[in-house]
Protein backbone atom coordinates (compact mmCIF):
# COMPACT_ATOMS: atom_id res chain seq x y z
CA MET A 1 0.09 0.37 -0.21
CA GLN A 2 1.63 3.24 -0.90
CA GLN A 3 2.23 5.60 1.99
CA PRO A 4 1.40 9.42 1.80
CA VAL A 5 4.11 11.27 0.50
CA ALA A 6 5.80 14.25 2.51
CA ILE A 7 2.77 14.89 5.02
CA ALA A 8 3.60 11.79 7.33
CA ALA A 9 4.98 12.41 11.05
CA GLU A 10 7.23 9.78 13.10
CA SER A 11 5.88 8.59 16.35
CA GLY A 12 7.60 7.48 19.01
CA PRO A 13 8.08 6.54 23.23
CA ALA A 14 9.96 10.38 23.35
CA ARG A 15 7.85 13.37 24.01
CA LEU A 16 8.63 17.18 22.84
CA ARG A 17 7.91 19.70 25.45
CA GLY A 18 7.71 23.09 25.09
CA ARG A 19 5.86 25.91 22.29
CA GLY A 20 9.00 26.33 19.90
CA PRO A 21 8.96 26.01 16.38
CA LYS A 22 10.04 21.81 16.91
CA VAL A 23 6.73 21.59 18.67
CA ARG A 24 4.97 23.53 16.47
CA ALA A 25 6.38 21.24 13.93
CA ALA A 26 6.10 18.00 14.88
CA VAL A 27 1.86 19.05 15.75
CA LEU A 28 1.48 20.32 12.00
CA ALA A 29 2.48 17.56 10.53
CA ALA A 30 0.70 14.86 12.86
CA THR A 31 -2.21 16.77 11.93
CA LEU A 32 -1.83 16.42 8.54
CA ALA A 33 -0.96 12.89 8.62
CA GLU A 34 -3.76 11.91 10.62
CA LEU A 35 -6.06 14.59 8.06
CA ALA A 36 -4.55 11.56 5.67
CA GLU A 37 -4.90 8.85 6.87
CA GLY A 38 -8.86 9.42 8.65
CA GLY A 39 -10.30 12.34 7.44
CA CYS A 40 -11.36 15.51 9.12
CA ALA A 41 -14.29 14.06 10.72
CA ALA A 42 -12.14 11.55 12.40
CA LEU A 43 -9.36 13.82 13.62
CA THR A 44 -9.18 14.29 17.27
CA VAL A 45 -6.63 16.27 19.18
CA GLU A 46 -5.82 13.71 21.24
CA GLY A 47 -4.51 11.53 18.10
CA VAL A 48 -3.08 14.11 17.00
CA ALA A 49 -0.77 14.78 20.42
CA ARG A 50 -0.48 10.88 20.62
CA ARG A 51 1.22 11.07 16.65
CA ALA A 52 3.09 14.20 17.34
CA GLY A 53 4.56 12.86 20.73
CA VAL A 54 3.21 15.83 23.15
CA HIS A 55 0.63 15.91 25.40
CA LYS A 56 -2.59 17.32 24.11
CA THR A 57 -2.18 20.22 26.55
CA THR A 58 0.32 21.21 24.59
CA VAL A 59 -1.78 21.49 21.67
CA TYR A 60 -4.66 23.31 23.31
CA ARG A 61 -2.37 25.80 24.45
CA ARG A 62 -1.27 27.18 20.91
CA TRP A 63 -4.67 25.71 18.67
CA LYS A 64 -8.40 26.49 21.08
CA ASP A 65 -10.13 23.46 18.83
CA ARG A 66 -8.93 21.33 15.59
CA GLU A 67 -10.54 22.94 13.09
CA SER A 68 -7.66 26.00 13.48
CA LEU A 69 -4.88 23.11 13.80
CA VAL A 70 -6.01 21.69 10.89
CA VAL A 71 -6.55 25.60 9.04
CA ASP A 72 -2.71 25.93 10.36
CA ALA A 73 -1.15 22.67 9.36
CA LEU A 74 -3.16 23.23 5.61
CA THR A 75 -1.51 26.95 5.25
CA ASP A 76 1.12 26.31 6.15
CA LEU A 77 1.49 23.25 3.51
CA ILE A 78 0.50 25.19 0.59
CA ALA A 79 2.64 27.94 1.70
CA ALA A 80 5.84 25.69 1.28
CA GLU A 81 4.19 23.75 -1.86
CA VAL A 82 2.41 26.62 -3.75
CA PRO A 83 5.28 29.04 -2.89
CA VAL A 84 3.32 33.35 -4.00
CA PRO A 85 6.33 34.63 -6.80
CA ASP A 86 7.63 37.45 -7.49
CA SER A 87 9.29 37.92 -10.82
CA GLY A 88 8.24 41.68 -11.73
CA ASP A 89 5.85 40.56 -14.06
CA VAL A 90 2.18 39.60 -13.30
CA ALA A 91 1.22 36.71 -15.89
CA THR A 92 4.85 35.43 -15.16
CA ASP A 93 3.51 35.47 -11.34
CA LEU A 94 0.26 33.43 -11.88
CA ARG A 95 1.50 31.30 -14.60
CA GLU A 96 3.89 29.72 -11.99
CA LEU A 97 1.19 30.57 -9.16
CA GLY A 98 -1.04 28.17 -11.45
CA ARG A 99 1.75 25.41 -12.37
CA ALA A 100 2.77 25.00 -8.77
CA LEU A 101 -0.93 24.32 -7.49
CA VAL A 102 -1.75 21.97 -10.05
CA ARG A 103 1.82 20.27 -8.91
CA TRP A 104 0.62 19.91 -5.72
CA LEU A 105 -2.93 19.04 -6.55
CA THR A 106 -1.32 15.93 -8.45
CA SER A 107 1.27 15.29 -6.21
CA PRO A 108 0.48 11.51 -3.45
CA GLY A 109 0.11 14.17 -0.98
CA GLY A 110 -1.88 16.56 -2.32
CA GLN A 111 -4.41 14.14 -3.06
CA ALA A 112 -4.72 12.50 0.17
CA VAL A 113 -5.46 15.80 1.57
CA LEU A 114 -7.81 16.78 -1.04
CA ALA A 115 -9.52 13.90 -0.61
CA ALA A 116 -9.51 13.18 2.87
CA VAL A 117 -11.26 17.44 3.06
CA LEU A 118 -13.56 16.62 0.20
CA SER A 119 -15.14 12.82 1.65
CA ASP A 120 -15.75 14.83 5.20
CA THR A 121 -17.53 17.45 4.09
CA LEU A 122 -20.88 16.16 4.42
CA ARG A 123 -20.18 14.20 7.11
CA ALA A 124 -19.13 17.15 9.43
CA PRO A 125 -20.61 20.52 8.43
CA GLU A 126 -17.05 22.01 10.41
CA ILE A 127 -15.13 21.18 7.60
CA GLU A 128 -17.04 24.17 5.58
CA ALA A 129 -15.48 26.80 7.80
CA VAL A 130 -12.24 25.59 7.67
CA LYS A 131 -12.03 25.55 4.04
CA ARG A 132 -13.35 29.24 3.94
CA ARG A 133 -10.62 30.02 6.78
CA PHE A 134 -7.97 28.56 4.75
CA TYR A 135 -8.87 30.18 1.39
CA ALA A 136 -9.07 33.45 2.70
CA ASP A 137 -5.54 32.97 3.86
CA ARG A 138 -4.64 31.43 0.17
CA PHE A 139 -6.26 34.80 -1.65
CA ARG A 140 -4.32 37.54 1.61
CA ARG A 141 -1.06 35.36 0.84
CA ALA A 142 -1.61 35.78 -3.11
CA GLU A 143 -2.34 39.02 -3.00
CA PRO A 144 0.64 40.56 -3.34
CA VAL A 145 1.00 39.49 -6.46
CA VAL A 146 -1.97 41.42 -8.04
CA THR A 147 -1.36 44.70 -5.38
CA ARG A 148 2.56 44.69 -6.97
CA ALA A 149 1.19 44.70 -10.70
CA VAL A 150 -1.49 47.57 -9.96
CA ALA A 151 1.20 49.45 -8.27
CA ARG A 152 3.81 48.95 -11.78
CA GLY A 153 0.68 50.08 -13.92
CA GLU A 154 0.22 46.18 -15.40
CA LEU A 155 -3.37 46.08 -14.12
CA PRO A 156 -6.70 48.53 -13.42
CA LEU A 157 -6.40 50.50 -10.41
CA GLY A 158 -9.83 49.55 -8.77
CA THR A 159 -8.77 45.46 -9.88
CA ASP A 160 -9.44 43.26 -6.96
CA PRO A 161 -6.73 40.47 -5.76
CA ALA A 162 -9.24 37.67 -4.72
CA GLU A 163 -11.11 38.12 -8.14
CA VAL A 164 -7.97 37.96 -10.07
CA VAL A 165 -6.70 34.59 -7.69
CA LYS A 166 -10.22 32.87 -7.87
CA ALA A 167 -10.27 33.46 -11.52
CA LEU A 168 -7.02 31.81 -11.58
CA ILE A 169 -8.38 28.81 -9.75
CA ALA A 170 -10.72 28.32 -11.23
CA PRO A 171 -10.38 26.23 -14.14
CA ILE A 172 -8.42 24.20 -12.25
CA TYR A 173 -10.60 23.18 -9.76
CA LEU A 174 -12.85 22.69 -12.01
CA ARG A 175 -11.86 20.25 -14.41
CA LEU A 176 -10.26 17.99 -11.33
CA LEU A 177 -12.86 18.12 -9.27
CA ILE A 178 -16.22 18.80 -11.61
CA THR A 179 -15.49 17.72 -15.53
CA ALA A 180 -12.58 15.35 -13.89
CA GLU A 181 -10.31 15.72 -16.60
CA PRO A 182 -6.45 15.96 -16.70
CA ILE A 183 -4.83 18.81 -14.97
CA ASP A 184 -1.58 20.35 -15.92
CA GLU A 185 1.11 23.34 -16.75
CA GLY A 186 -1.18 23.99 -19.82
CA THR A 187 -4.06 23.88 -17.60
CA ALA A 188 -2.31 25.99 -15.83
CA ASP A 189 -0.76 28.59 -18.62
CA ARG A 190 -4.63 28.80 -19.93
CA ALA A 191 -5.82 30.10 -16.89
CA ALA A 192 -3.30 32.35 -15.51
CA ARG A 193 -3.44 34.34 -19.23
CA ALA A 194 -8.05 34.59 -18.90
CA ALA A 195 -7.44 36.42 -15.70
CA VAL A 196 -5.03 37.96 -17.05
CA ALA A 197 -6.78 39.37 -19.23
CA ALA A 198 -10.28 40.13 -17.66
CA ALA A 199 -8.40 41.59 -14.70
CA ARG A 200 -7.13 44.57 -17.95
CA ALA A 201 -10.48 44.05 -19.33
CA GLY A 202 -11.71 45.58 -15.31
CA ALA A 203 -14.05 42.77 -14.97
CA LEU A 204 -11.98 41.67 -11.82
CA ASP A 205 -12.79 44.94 -10.05
CA ARG A 206 -13.21 45.54 -6.76
CA PRO A 207 -17.16 45.69 -5.92
CA GLY A 208 -18.53 49.37 -6.19
CA TRP A 209 -15.67 50.53 -8.02
CA PRO A 210 -15.64 52.46 -11.09
CA SER A 211 -15.94 49.66 -13.96
CA THR A 212 -12.86 50.02 -16.10
CA ALA A 213 -15.08 48.42 -19.00
CA ALA A 214 -17.58 51.08 -18.75
CA THR A 215 -14.47 53.50 -18.59
CA LEU A 216 -12.97 51.79 -21.75
CA ASP A 217 -16.37 51.72 -23.48
CA ARG A 218 -16.83 55.50 -23.62
């Protein structure tokens, strides 16, 4: 049986102590391993603590509930696996961001985590809150790609960063989750071109911002 890649945590008799980076890393790695193994509905703080080699009170000192624990584990994982580029060109940045997302979604680790989260949505309604918090964090992290492009004059002033990121990832997730089509770098490249074109046309402006498209039509 194939084991999940890059998300398994080693367990052993030795216990970690304190609240430093090593403890945090061990707890988050254990959370991902528990998530991939049993899904969100079955994940418990006790199970995570046992796998990480810490006492459950150590976990509760940093995370108030298991939802916060899952969000932190996922956001840290994606921050490492899908870094936000800064090439000085928005088309290049969005293309690289999309390609990194495709690489992660098609990796064994990405597939395991995605399957665990999706399979638990109906059994554990709180997973919807986890997903909202997770994507809000991703939009916040990717926002500089758009704000830098606006500052350079590549995109209109009213461009909404979150809408640009949504326009980038939507075709990727559509193929992966809805139409069951393969995704690859070409998928990411087409999504990036479409997102840039829509933003430059003013179709992705902030709510209430004077329409760039309407201004161009005058």
